[in-house]
Amino acid sequence: MSAKIIIIIPSVLLMIIVGIWIYDSLNYGEFLVFSREKKAVVKETVDELFGTEIKITEWTDGFWLGLLPGEDKFNINILLGVIPLSAIVIIGSLIIFFFLRKKTKEGVLK
């Protein structure tokens, strides 16, 4: 019973974090590998005098979750950025561990 709980709880947390990651990627406008703290918003205006288009880039602050941290210095967002990959590795390791443990007890794997 405890082995199921150990697998179920991280799996549910992983699905929630992957959902947040997908939502943030869609909100940011591209597939996020690295976490981002600023988003470029490009505004196009027409110059009244010459009639040419002018592109103005403005940066908005926020946090968009990626698979890896976006910077080298330590802050709390780095921990959030590492959660998806580390959770996949931990859950995969636990599943393999319990699968091999069960097979070893049954005598299939020696």
Protein backbone atom coordinates (compact mmCIF):
# COMPACT_ATOMS: atom_id res chain seq x y z
CA MET A 1 0.00 0.00 0.00
CA SER A 2 2.76 2.47 0.86
CA ALA A 3 4.49 1.78 -2.47
CA LYS A 4 1.34 2.84 -4.32
CA ILE A 5 1.14 6.03 -2.29
CA ILE A 6 4.81 6.77 -3.02
CA ILE A 7 4.09 6.44 -6.75
CA ILE A 8 0.66 8.13 -6.80
CA ILE A 9 1.53 11.33 -4.91
CA PRO A 10 4.55 12.31 -7.07
CA SER A 11 2.62 11.31 -10.21
CA VAL A 12 -0.24 13.66 -9.31
CA LEU A 13 2.23 16.44 -8.48
CA LEU A 14 4.02 15.82 -11.77
CA MET A 15 0.76 16.08 -13.73
CA ILE A 16 -0.06 19.36 -11.99
CA ILE A 17 3.40 20.83 -12.69
CA VAL A 18 3.35 19.63 -16.31
CA GLY A 19 -0.07 21.29 -16.65
CA ILE A 20 1.35 24.55 -15.27
CA TRP A 21 4.32 24.24 -17.63
CA ILE A 22 2.07 23.71 -20.67
CA TYR A 23 -0.15 26.62 -19.62
CA ASP A 24 2.87 28.90 -19.15
CA SER A 25 4.31 27.81 -22.51
CA LEU A 26 1.04 28.62 -24.26
CA ASN A 27 0.76 31.92 -22.39
CA TYR A 28 4.34 32.88 -23.28
CA GLY A 29 3.82 31.97 -26.92
CA GLU A 30 6.52 29.33 -27.40
CA PHE A 31 7.72 26.00 -26.02
CA LEU A 32 9.71 26.92 -22.89
CA VAL A 33 12.85 24.97 -22.18
CA PHE A 34 14.27 27.60 -19.84
CA SER A 35 12.23 29.49 -17.25
CA ARG A 36 11.62 33.12 -18.12
CA GLU A 37 11.11 36.15 -15.92
CA LYS A 38 10.39 38.69 -18.66
CA LYS A 39 8.27 38.58 -21.78
CA ALA A 40 8.78 40.72 -24.86
CA VAL A 41 5.65 42.43 -26.15
CA VAL A 42 6.08 43.93 -29.62
CA LYS A 43 3.77 46.80 -30.51
CA GLU A 44 3.52 48.03 -34.08
CA THR A 45 2.61 51.62 -34.75
CA VAL A 46 2.49 53.68 -37.94
CA ASP A 47 4.57 56.83 -38.15
CA GLU A 48 2.17 59.63 -39.09
CA LEU A 49 4.81 61.71 -40.82
CA PHE A 50 6.45 59.09 -43.06
CA GLY A 51 3.81 56.33 -43.04
CA THR A 52 6.28 53.60 -42.03
CA GLU A 53 5.67 50.91 -39.44
CA ILE A 54 7.58 51.22 -36.19
CA LYS A 55 8.06 48.21 -33.92
CA ILE A 56 8.41 49.00 -30.23
CA THR A 57 9.45 46.20 -27.85
CA GLU A 58 8.28 46.44 -24.25
CA TRP A 59 9.21 43.95 -21.53
CA THR A 60 6.65 42.75 -18.98
CA ASP A 61 7.70 41.17 -15.72
CA GLY A 62 6.37 37.79 -14.60
CA PHE A 63 7.40 34.18 -14.21
CA TRP A 64 6.87 31.48 -16.81
CA LEU A 65 7.87 27.95 -15.81
CA GLY A 66 10.29 26.10 -18.07
CA LEU A 67 11.97 22.72 -17.86
CA LEU A 68 15.29 24.19 -16.70
CA PRO A 69 16.22 27.29 -14.73
CA GLY A 70 16.84 30.35 -16.83
CA GLU A 71 19.79 31.76 -14.92
CA ASP A 72 22.86 30.65 -13.00
CA LYS A 73 22.42 32.58 -9.77
CA PHE A 74 20.32 30.97 -7.04
CA ASN A 75 16.76 32.03 -6.33
CA ILE A 76 13.53 30.21 -5.52
CA ASN A 77 12.47 30.18 -9.20
CA ILE A 78 15.41 27.88 -9.99
CA LEU A 79 13.84 25.22 -7.77
CA LEU A 80 10.53 25.60 -9.61
CA GLY A 81 12.30 25.26 -12.95
CA VAL A 82 13.97 21.98 -12.02
CA ILE A 83 10.86 20.24 -10.65
CA PRO A 84 9.50 18.76 -13.93
CA LEU A 85 12.71 17.00 -14.99
CA SER A 86 13.62 15.84 -11.49
CA ALA A 87 10.10 14.52 -10.89
CA ILE A 88 10.23 12.47 -14.09
CA VAL A 89 13.56 10.95 -13.06
CA ILE A 90 12.41 10.21 -9.50
CA ILE A 91 9.11 8.63 -10.55
CA GLY A 92 10.81 6.56 -13.24
CA SER A 93 13.38 5.36 -10.73
CA LEU A 94 10.70 4.43 -8.19
CA ILE A 95 8.66 2.53 -10.77
CA ILE A 96 11.71 0.60 -11.97
CA PHE A 97 12.79 -0.08 -8.37
CA PHE A 98 9.41 -1.49 -7.34
CA PHE A 99 9.02 -3.43 -10.59
CA LEU A 100 12.43 -5.09 -10.17
CA ARG A 101 11.84 -5.66 -6.45
CA LYS A 102 8.55 -7.44 -7.18
CA LYS A 103 10.12 -9.57 -9.93
CA THR A 104 13.03 -10.50 -7.66
CA LYS A 105 10.67 -11.61 -4.87
CA GLU A 106 8.74 -13.78 -7.34
CA GLY A 107 11.95 -15.47 -8.44
CA VAL A 108 11.82 -14.34 -12.05
CA LEU A 109 14.90 -12.14 -11.79
CA LYS A 110 17.88 -13.58 -9.93
